[in-house]
Amino acid sequence: MLQLLTVPRDRFQMAKDLELDWKTVDSHVRILLKYGMIQEKVAYGNVKLYELTVTGTLVLRLMEELGRGTPFKELETNERRIDGH
């Protein structure tokens, strides 16, 4: 769902794109809002759009990096560069 929300979508669009029922999407949206991963962007009528927050974007990047199987040694080197050590 995080990857899908790199472009703002409403709950109906998410349900359709993920092939999930609306209640499942609604539950996931509430949890992602609670933990600050997504935010409401724009409301028109009764429809709300959702998009990633900065935190959500960082978590998505982390998941993608972990999914690529980046070697631990490389991650450790990158961390040192960021921390300045």
PDB file of N, CA and C in Angstrom:
ATOM      1  N   MET A   1       0.822  -1.185   0.000  1.00  0.00           N
ATOM      2  CA  MET A   1       0.000   0.000   0.000  1.00  0.00           C
ATOM      3  C   MET A   1       0.874   1.260   0.000  1.00  0.00           C
ATOM      4  N   LEU A   2       1.982   1.225   0.742  1.00  0.00           N
ATOM      5  CA  LEU A   2       2.861   2.400   0.769  1.00  0.00           C
ATOM      6  C   LEU A   2       3.365   2.724  -0.633  1.00  0.00           C
ATOM      7  N   GLN A   3       3.761   1.706  -1.363  1.00  0.00           N
ATOM      8  CA  GLN A   3       4.271   1.917  -2.713  1.00  0.00           C
ATOM      9  C   GLN A   3       3.184   2.523  -3.604  1.00  0.00           C
ATOM     10  N   LEU A   4       1.976   2.088  -3.428  1.00  0.00           N
ATOM     11  CA  LEU A   4       0.858   2.602  -4.211  1.00  0.00           C
ATOM     12  C   LEU A   4       0.618   4.082  -3.929  1.00  0.00           C
ATOM     13  N   LEU A   5       0.867   4.512  -2.696  1.00  0.00           N
ATOM     14  CA  LEU A   5       0.563   5.881  -2.293  1.00  0.00           C
ATOM     15  C   LEU A   5       1.687   6.879  -2.588  1.00  0.00           C
ATOM     16  N   THR A   6       2.624   6.504  -3.448  1.00  0.00           N
ATOM     17  CA  THR A   6       3.581   7.494  -3.934  1.00  0.00           C
ATOM     18  C   THR A   6       2.848   8.506  -4.813  1.00  0.00           C
ATOM     19  N   VAL A   7       1.667   8.104  -5.291  1.00  0.00           N
ATOM     20  CA  VAL A   7       0.741   8.994  -5.998  1.00  0.00           C
ATOM     21  C   VAL A   7      -0.539   9.015  -5.170  1.00  0.00           C
ATOM     22  N   PRO A   8      -1.040  10.200  -4.800  1.00  0.00           N
ATOM     23  CA  PRO A   8      -2.251  10.266  -3.964  1.00  0.00           C
ATOM     24  C   PRO A   8      -3.422   9.493  -4.565  1.00  0.00           C
ATOM     25  N   ARG A   9      -4.117   8.754  -3.701  1.00  0.00           N
ATOM     26  CA  ARG A   9      -5.283   7.970  -4.122  1.00  0.00           C
ATOM     27  C   ARG A   9      -6.330   8.008  -3.018  1.00  0.00           C
ATOM     28  N   ASP A  10      -7.567   7.743  -3.410  1.00  0.00           N
ATOM     29  CA  ASP A  10      -8.613   7.593  -2.407  1.00  0.00           C
ATOM     30  C   ASP A  10      -8.757   6.114  -2.075  1.00  0.00           C
ATOM     31  N   ARG A  11      -9.571   5.806  -1.103  1.00  0.00           N
ATOM     32  CA  ARG A  11      -9.708   4.425  -0.630  1.00  0.00           C
ATOM     33  C   ARG A  11     -10.270   3.509  -1.704  1.00  0.00           C
ATOM     34  N   PHE A  12     -11.194   4.019  -2.501  1.00  0.00           N
ATOM     35  CA  PHE A  12     -11.772   3.207  -3.577  1.00  0.00           C
ATOM     36  C   PHE A  12     -10.700   2.833  -4.594  1.00  0.00           C
ATOM     37  N   GLN A  13      -9.871   3.808  -4.975  1.00  0.00           N
ATOM     38  CA  GLN A  13      -8.798   3.536  -5.931  1.00  0.00           C
ATOM     39  C   GLN A  13      -7.822   2.504  -5.372  1.00  0.00           C
ATOM     40  N   MET A  14      -7.486   2.641  -4.086  1.00  0.00           N
ATOM     41  CA  MET A  14      -6.572   1.684  -3.462  1.00  0.00           C
ATOM     42  C   MET A  14      -7.165   0.275  -3.471  1.00  0.00           C
ATOM     43  N   ALA A  15      -8.435   0.168  -3.095  1.00  0.00           N
ATOM     44  CA  ALA A  15      -9.096  -1.142  -3.072  1.00  0.00           C
ATOM     45  C   ALA A  15      -9.081  -1.775  -4.453  1.00  0.00           C
ATOM     46  N   LYS A  16      -9.370  -0.971  -5.460  1.00  0.00           N
ATOM     47  CA  LYS A  16      -9.386  -1.473  -6.835  1.00  0.00           C
ATOM     48  C   LYS A  16      -7.984  -1.889  -7.272  1.00  0.00           C
ATOM     49  N   ASP A  17      -6.998  -1.026  -7.053  1.00  0.00           N
ATOM     50  CA  ASP A  17      -5.624  -1.305  -7.491  1.00  0.00           C
ATOM     51  C   ASP A  17      -5.007  -2.504  -6.760  1.00  0.00           C
ATOM     52  N   LEU A  18      -5.348  -2.664  -5.493  1.00  0.00           N
ATOM     53  CA  LEU A  18      -4.789  -3.756  -4.691  1.00  0.00           C
ATOM     54  C   LEU A  18      -5.653  -5.013  -4.713  1.00  0.00           C
ATOM     55  N   GLU A  19      -6.818  -4.893  -5.343  1.00  0.00           N
ATOM     56  CA  GLU A  19      -7.779  -5.995  -5.402  1.00  0.00           C
ATOM     57  C   GLU A  19      -8.142  -6.489  -4.002  1.00  0.00           C
ATOM     58  N   LEU A  20      -8.432  -5.515  -3.126  1.00  0.00           N
ATOM     59  CA  LEU A  20      -8.847  -5.796  -1.760  1.00  0.00           C
ATOM     60  C   LEU A  20     -10.234  -5.224  -1.529  1.00  0.00           C
ATOM     61  N   ASP A  21     -10.931  -5.755  -0.538  1.00  0.00           N
ATOM     62  CA  ASP A  21     -12.236  -5.186  -0.219  1.00  0.00           C
ATOM     63  C   ASP A  21     -12.038  -3.867   0.534  1.00  0.00           C
ATOM     64  N   TRP A  22     -13.062  -3.030   0.495  1.00  0.00           N
ATOM     65  CA  TRP A  22     -12.988  -1.687   1.048  1.00  0.00           C
ATOM     66  C   TRP A  22     -12.681  -1.701   2.543  1.00  0.00           C
ATOM     67  N   LYS A  23     -13.245  -2.653   3.279  1.00  0.00           N
ATOM     68  CA  LYS A  23     -13.032  -2.711   4.729  1.00  0.00           C
ATOM     69  C   LYS A  23     -11.572  -2.978   5.070  1.00  0.00           C
ATOM     70  N   THR A  24     -10.908  -3.810   4.301  1.00  0.00           N
ATOM     71  CA  THR A  24      -9.490  -4.090   4.525  1.00  0.00           C
ATOM     72  C   THR A  24      -8.670  -2.829   4.285  1.00  0.00           C
ATOM     73  N   VAL A  25      -8.950  -2.150   3.186  1.00  0.00           N
ATOM     74  CA  VAL A  25      -8.240  -0.907   2.870  1.00  0.00           C
ATOM     75  C   VAL A  25      -8.490   0.124   3.963  1.00  0.00           C
ATOM     76  N   ASP A  26      -9.731   0.251   4.396  1.00  0.00           N
ATOM     77  CA  ASP A  26     -10.083   1.204   5.449  1.00  0.00           C
ATOM     78  C   ASP A  26      -9.285   0.920   6.730  1.00  0.00           C
ATOM     79  N   SER A  27      -9.182  -0.348   7.093  1.00  0.00           N
ATOM     80  CA  SER A  27      -8.430  -0.730   8.281  1.00  0.00           C
ATOM     81  C   SER A  27      -6.950  -0.369   8.133  1.00  0.00           C
ATOM     82  N   HIS A  28      -6.377  -0.666   6.997  1.00  0.00           N
ATOM     83  CA  HIS A  28      -4.957  -0.352   6.759  1.00  0.00           C
ATOM     84  C   HIS A  28      -4.717   1.155   6.745  1.00  0.00           C
ATOM     85  N   VAL A  29      -5.628   1.901   6.150  1.00  0.00           N
ATOM     86  CA  VAL A  29      -5.498   3.364   6.115  1.00  0.00           C
ATOM     87  C   VAL A  29      -5.494   3.918   7.536  1.00  0.00           C
ATOM     88  N   ARG A  30      -6.400   3.440   8.377  1.00  0.00           N
ATOM     89  CA  ARG A  30      -6.452   3.927   9.762  1.00  0.00           C
ATOM     90  C   ARG A  30      -5.137   3.653  10.500  1.00  0.00           C
ATOM     91  N   ILE A  31      -4.586   2.467  10.292  1.00  0.00           N
ATOM     92  CA  ILE A  31      -3.328   2.112  10.958  1.00  0.00           C
ATOM     93  C   ILE A  31      -2.181   2.971  10.425  1.00  0.00           C
ATOM     94  N   LEU A  32      -2.099   3.135   9.116  1.00  0.00           N
ATOM     95  CA  LEU A  32      -1.028   3.942   8.526  1.00  0.00           C
ATOM     96  C   LEU A  32      -1.136   5.406   8.950  1.00  0.00           C
ATOM     97  N   LEU A  33      -2.354   5.915   9.090  1.00  0.00           N
ATOM     98  CA  LEU A  33      -2.550   7.283   9.603  1.00  0.00           C
ATOM     99  C   LEU A  33      -2.082   7.377  11.049  1.00  0.00           C
ATOM    100  N   LYS A  34      -2.460   6.390  11.846  1.00  0.00           N
ATOM    101  CA  LYS A  34      -2.107   6.363  13.272  1.00  0.00           C
ATOM    102  C   LYS A  34      -0.601   6.445  13.481  1.00  0.00           C
ATOM    103  N   TYR A  35       0.150   5.751  12.641  1.00  0.00           N
ATOM    104  CA  TYR A  35       1.607   5.712  12.792  1.00  0.00           C
ATOM    105  C   TYR A  35       2.338   6.740  11.936  1.00  0.00           C
ATOM    106  N   GLY A  36       1.584   7.642  11.320  1.00  0.00           N
ATOM    107  CA  GLY A  36       2.200   8.742  10.589  1.00  0.00           C
ATOM    108  C   GLY A  36       2.849   8.372   9.269  1.00  0.00           C
ATOM    109  N   MET A  37       2.457   7.253   8.691  1.00  0.00           N
ATOM    110  CA  MET A  37       3.033   6.822   7.414  1.00  0.00           C
ATOM    111  C   MET A  37       2.370   7.521   6.224  1.00  0.00           C
ATOM    112  N   ILE A  38       1.088   7.850   6.383  1.00  0.00           N
ATOM    113  CA  ILE A  38       0.342   8.538   5.325  1.00  0.00           C
ATOM    114  C   ILE A  38      -0.415   9.706   5.934  1.00  0.00           C
ATOM    115  N   GLN A  39      -0.895  10.579   5.060  1.00  0.00           N
ATOM    116  CA  GLN A  39      -1.707  11.716   5.501  1.00  0.00           C
ATOM    117  C   GLN A  39      -2.809  11.968   4.490  1.00  0.00           C
ATOM    118  N   GLU A  40      -3.881  12.615   4.971  1.00  0.00           N
ATOM    119  CA  GLU A  40      -4.928  13.045   4.057  1.00  0.00           C
ATOM    120  C   GLU A  40      -4.410  14.252   3.305  1.00  0.00           C
ATOM    121  N   LYS A  41      -4.577  14.236   1.998  1.00  0.00           N
ATOM    122  CA  LYS A  41      -4.046  15.331   1.198  1.00  0.00           C
ATOM    123  C   LYS A  41      -5.122  16.344   0.851  1.00  0.00           C
ATOM    124  N   VAL A  42      -6.151  15.895   0.185  1.00  0.00           N
ATOM    125  CA  VAL A  42      -7.191  16.789  -0.299  1.00  0.00           C
ATOM    126  C   VAL A  42      -8.525  16.084  -0.103  1.00  0.00           C
ATOM    127  N   ALA A  43      -9.518  16.836   0.217  1.00  0.00           N
ATOM    128  CA  ALA A  43     -10.865  16.261   0.298  1.00  0.00           C
ATOM    129  C   ALA A  43     -11.749  16.962  -0.718  1.00  0.00           C
ATOM    130  N   TYR A  44     -12.518  16.199  -1.448  1.00  0.00           N
ATOM    131  CA  TYR A  44     -13.519  16.778  -2.338  1.00  0.00           C
ATOM    132  C   TYR A  44     -14.802  15.996  -2.125  1.00  0.00           C
ATOM    133  N   GLY A  45     -15.826  16.719  -1.727  1.00  0.00           N
ATOM    134  CA  GLY A  45     -17.055  16.049  -1.338  1.00  0.00           C
ATOM    135  C   GLY A  45     -16.776  15.201  -0.114  1.00  0.00           C
ATOM    136  N   ASN A  46     -17.170  13.929  -0.162  1.00  0.00           N
ATOM    137  CA  ASN A  46     -16.893  12.994   0.938  1.00  0.00           C
ATOM    138  C   ASN A  46     -15.636  12.162   0.704  1.00  0.00           C
ATOM    139  N   VAL A  47     -14.932  12.458  -0.377  1.00  0.00           N
ATOM    140  CA  VAL A  47     -13.766  11.660  -0.752  1.00  0.00           C
ATOM    141  C   VAL A  47     -12.487  12.307  -0.226  1.00  0.00           C
ATOM    142  N   LYS A  48     -11.619  11.477   0.356  1.00  0.00           N
ATOM    143  CA  LYS A  48     -10.334  11.958   0.857  1.00  0.00           C
ATOM    144  C   LYS A  48      -9.230  11.244   0.089  1.00  0.00           C
ATOM    145  N   LEU A  49      -8.189  11.990  -0.246  1.00  0.00           N
ATOM    146  CA  LEU A  49      -7.016  11.408  -0.890  1.00  0.00           C
ATOM    147  C   LEU A  49      -5.943  11.204   0.163  1.00  0.00           C
ATOM    148  N   TYR A  50      -5.149  10.176  -0.021  1.00  0.00           N
ATOM    149  CA  TYR A  50      -4.080   9.856   0.909  1.00  0.00           C
ATOM    150  C   TYR A  50      -2.764   9.797   0.160  1.00  0.00           C
ATOM    151  N   GLU A  51      -1.702  10.242   0.845  1.00  0.00           N
ATOM    152  CA  GLU A  51      -0.372  10.196   0.263  1.00  0.00           C
ATOM    153  C   GLU A  51       0.632   9.880   1.361  1.00  0.00           C
ATOM    154  N   LEU A  52       1.829   9.492   0.948  1.00  0.00           N
ATOM    155  CA  LEU A  52       2.893   9.199   1.905  1.00  0.00           C
ATOM    156  C   LEU A  52       3.351  10.457   2.623  1.00  0.00           C
ATOM    157  N   THR A  53       3.720  10.305   3.872  1.00  0.00           N
ATOM    158  CA  THR A  53       4.398  11.372   4.611  1.00  0.00           C
ATOM    159  C   THR A  53       5.898  11.161   4.397  1.00  0.00           C
ATOM    160  N   VAL A  54       6.694  12.053   4.945  1.00  0.00           N
ATOM    161  CA  VAL A  54       8.152  11.877   4.890  1.00  0.00           C
ATOM    162  C   VAL A  54       8.526  10.558   5.562  1.00  0.00           C
ATOM    163  N   THR A  55       7.913  10.278   6.694  1.00  0.00           N
ATOM    164  CA  THR A  55       8.180   9.024   7.410  1.00  0.00           C
ATOM    165  C   THR A  55       7.795   7.817   6.561  1.00  0.00           C
ATOM    166  N   GLY A  56       6.638   7.888   5.936  1.00  0.00           N
ATOM    167  CA  GLY A  56       6.188   6.800   5.068  1.00  0.00           C
ATOM    168  C   GLY A  56       7.135   6.570   3.903  1.00  0.00           C
ATOM    169  N   THR A  57       7.642   7.656   3.340  1.00  0.00           N
ATOM    170  CA  THR A  57       8.596   7.556   2.236  1.00  0.00           C
ATOM    171  C   THR A  57       9.884   6.882   2.697  1.00  0.00           C
ATOM    172  N   LEU A  58      10.355   7.253   3.894  1.00  0.00           N
ATOM    173  CA  LEU A  58      11.567   6.628   4.428  1.00  0.00           C
ATOM    174  C   LEU A  58      11.369   5.141   4.694  1.00  0.00           C
ATOM    175  N   VAL A  59      10.224   4.778   5.239  1.00  0.00           N
ATOM    176  CA  VAL A  59       9.928   3.370   5.502  1.00  0.00           C
ATOM    177  C   VAL A  59       9.861   2.597   4.185  1.00  0.00           C
ATOM    178  N   LEU A  60       9.238   3.191   3.169  1.00  0.00           N
ATOM    179  CA  LEU A  60       9.159   2.546   1.862  1.00  0.00           C
ATOM    180  C   LEU A  60      10.551   2.322   1.285  1.00  0.00           C
ATOM    181  N   ARG A  61      11.410   3.334   1.368  1.00  0.00           N
ATOM    182  CA  ARG A  61      12.793   3.190   0.883  1.00  0.00           C
ATOM    183  C   ARG A  61      13.531   2.089   1.641  1.00  0.00           C
ATOM    184  N   LEU A  62      13.333   2.048   2.948  1.00  0.00           N
ATOM    185  CA  LEU A  62      13.959   1.018   3.773  1.00  0.00           C
ATOM    186  C   LEU A  62      13.498  -0.369   3.338  1.00  0.00           C
ATOM    187  N   MET A  63      12.205  -0.531   3.152  1.00  0.00           N
ATOM    188  CA  MET A  63      11.656  -1.818   2.731  1.00  0.00           C
ATOM    189  C   MET A  63      12.204  -2.223   1.366  1.00  0.00           C
ATOM    190  N   GLU A  64      12.308  -1.258   0.446  1.00  0.00           N
ATOM    191  CA  GLU A  64      12.845  -1.554  -0.879  1.00  0.00           C
ATOM    192  C   GLU A  64      14.309  -1.967  -0.782  1.00  0.00           C
ATOM    193  N   GLU A  65      15.077  -1.272   0.051  1.00  0.00           N
ATOM    194  CA  GLU A  65      16.489  -1.598   0.212  1.00  0.00           C
ATOM    195  C   GLU A  65      16.660  -2.983   0.829  1.00  0.00           C
ATOM    196  N   LEU A  66      15.868  -3.274   1.850  1.00  0.00           N
ATOM    197  CA  LEU A  66      15.933  -4.590   2.479  1.00  0.00           C
ATOM    198  C   LEU A  66      15.510  -5.679   1.502  1.00  0.00           C
ATOM    199  N   GLY A  67      14.538  -5.361   0.667  1.00  0.00           N
ATOM    200  CA  GLY A  67      14.050  -6.323  -0.316  1.00  0.00           C
ATOM    201  C   GLY A  67      15.072  -6.628  -1.398  1.00  0.00           C
ATOM    202  N   ARG A  68      15.957  -5.680  -1.661  1.00  0.00           N
ATOM    203  CA  ARG A  68      17.005  -5.894  -2.659  1.00  0.00           C
ATOM    204  C   ARG A  68      18.142  -6.727  -2.087  1.00  0.00           C
ATOM    205  N   GLY A  69      18.127  -6.913  -0.782  1.00  0.00           N
ATOM    206  CA  GLY A  69      19.180  -7.699  -0.161  1.00  0.00           C
ATOM    207  C   GLY A  69      20.516  -6.987  -0.158  1.00  0.00           C
ATOM    208  N   THR A  70      20.484  -5.664   0.085  1.00  0.00           N
ATOM    209  CA  THR A  70      21.727  -4.909   0.156  1.00  0.00           C
ATOM    210  C   THR A  70      22.609  -5.503   1.244  1.00  0.00           C
ATOM    211  N   PRO A  71      23.842  -5.847   0.904  1.00  0.00           N
ATOM    212  CA  PRO A  71      24.730  -6.445   1.908  1.00  0.00           C
ATOM    213  C   PRO A  71      24.902  -5.539   3.119  1.00  0.00           C
ATOM    214  N   PHE A  72      24.964  -6.154   4.313  1.00  0.00           N
ATOM    215  CA  PHE A  72      25.087  -5.406   5.560  1.00  0.00           C
ATOM    216  C   PHE A  72      26.299  -4.489   5.535  1.00  0.00           C
ATOM    217  N   LYS A  73      27.407  -4.950   4.997  1.00  0.00           N
ATOM    218  CA  LYS A  73      28.634  -4.166   4.948  1.00  0.00           C
ATOM    219  C   LYS A  73      28.395  -2.846   4.215  1.00  0.00           C
ATOM    220  N   GLU A  74      27.651  -2.888   3.092  1.00  0.00           N
ATOM    221  CA  GLU A  74      27.355  -1.682   2.319  1.00  0.00           C
ATOM    222  C   GLU A  74      26.479  -0.729   3.126  1.00  0.00           C
ATOM    223  N   LEU A  75      25.472  -1.261   3.829  1.00  0.00           N
ATOM    224  CA  LEU A  75      24.610  -0.417   4.657  1.00  0.00           C
ATOM    225  C   LEU A  75      25.419   0.251   5.754  1.00  0.00           C
ATOM    226  N   GLU A  76      26.328  -0.497   6.371  1.00  0.00           N
ATOM    227  CA  GLU A  76      27.158   0.033   7.442  1.00  0.00           C
ATOM    228  C   GLU A  76      28.029   1.177   6.914  1.00  0.00           C
ATOM    229  N   THR A  77      28.583   1.046   5.722  1.00  0.00           N
ATOM    230  CA  THR A  77      29.407   2.086   5.100  1.00  0.00           C
ATOM    231  C   THR A  77      28.578   3.332   4.831  1.00  0.00           C
ATOM    232  N   ASN A  78      27.362   3.140   4.317  1.00  0.00           N
ATOM    233  CA  ASN A  78      26.475   4.277   4.045  1.00  0.00           C
ATOM    234  C   ASN A  78      26.102   5.000   5.328  1.00  0.00           C
ATOM    235  N   GLU A  79      25.854   4.253   6.412  1.00  0.00           N
ATOM    236  CA  GLU A  79      25.517   4.871   7.692  1.00  0.00           C
ATOM    237  C   GLU A  79      26.664   5.744   8.187  1.00  0.00           C
ATOM    238  N   ARG A  80      27.891   5.250   8.047  1.00  0.00           N
ATOM    239  CA  ARG A  80      29.045   6.041   8.490  1.00  0.00           C
ATOM    240  C   ARG A  80      29.149   7.333   7.703  1.00  0.00           C
ATOM    241  N   ARG A  81      28.866   7.273   6.407  1.00  0.00           N
ATOM    242  CA  ARG A  81      28.904   8.483   5.580  1.00  0.00           C
ATOM    243  C   ARG A  81      27.877   9.479   6.046  1.00  0.00           C
ATOM    244  N   ILE A  82      26.696   9.005   6.385  1.00  0.00           N
ATOM    245  CA  ILE A  82      25.607   9.902   6.845  1.00  0.00           C
ATOM    246  C   ILE A  82      25.940  10.507   8.194  1.00  0.00           C
ATOM    247  N   ASP A  83      26.457   9.678   9.114  1.00  0.00           N
ATOM    248  CA  ASP A  83      26.795  10.146  10.460  1.00  0.00           C
ATOM    249  C   ASP A  83      28.084  10.972  10.477  1.00  0.00           C
ATOM    250  N   GLY A  84      28.865  10.908   9.427  1.00  0.00           N
ATOM    251  CA  GLY A  84      30.112  11.653   9.362  1.00  0.00           C
ATOM    252  C   GLY A  84      31.277  10.981  10.050  1.00  0.00           C
ATOM    253  N   HIS A  85      31.168   9.695  10.310  1.00  0.00           N
ATOM    254  CA  HIS A  85      32.253   8.962  10.991  1.00  0.00           C
ATOM    255  C   HIS A  85      33.031   8.139   9.993  1.00  0.00           C
TER     256      HIS A  85
END
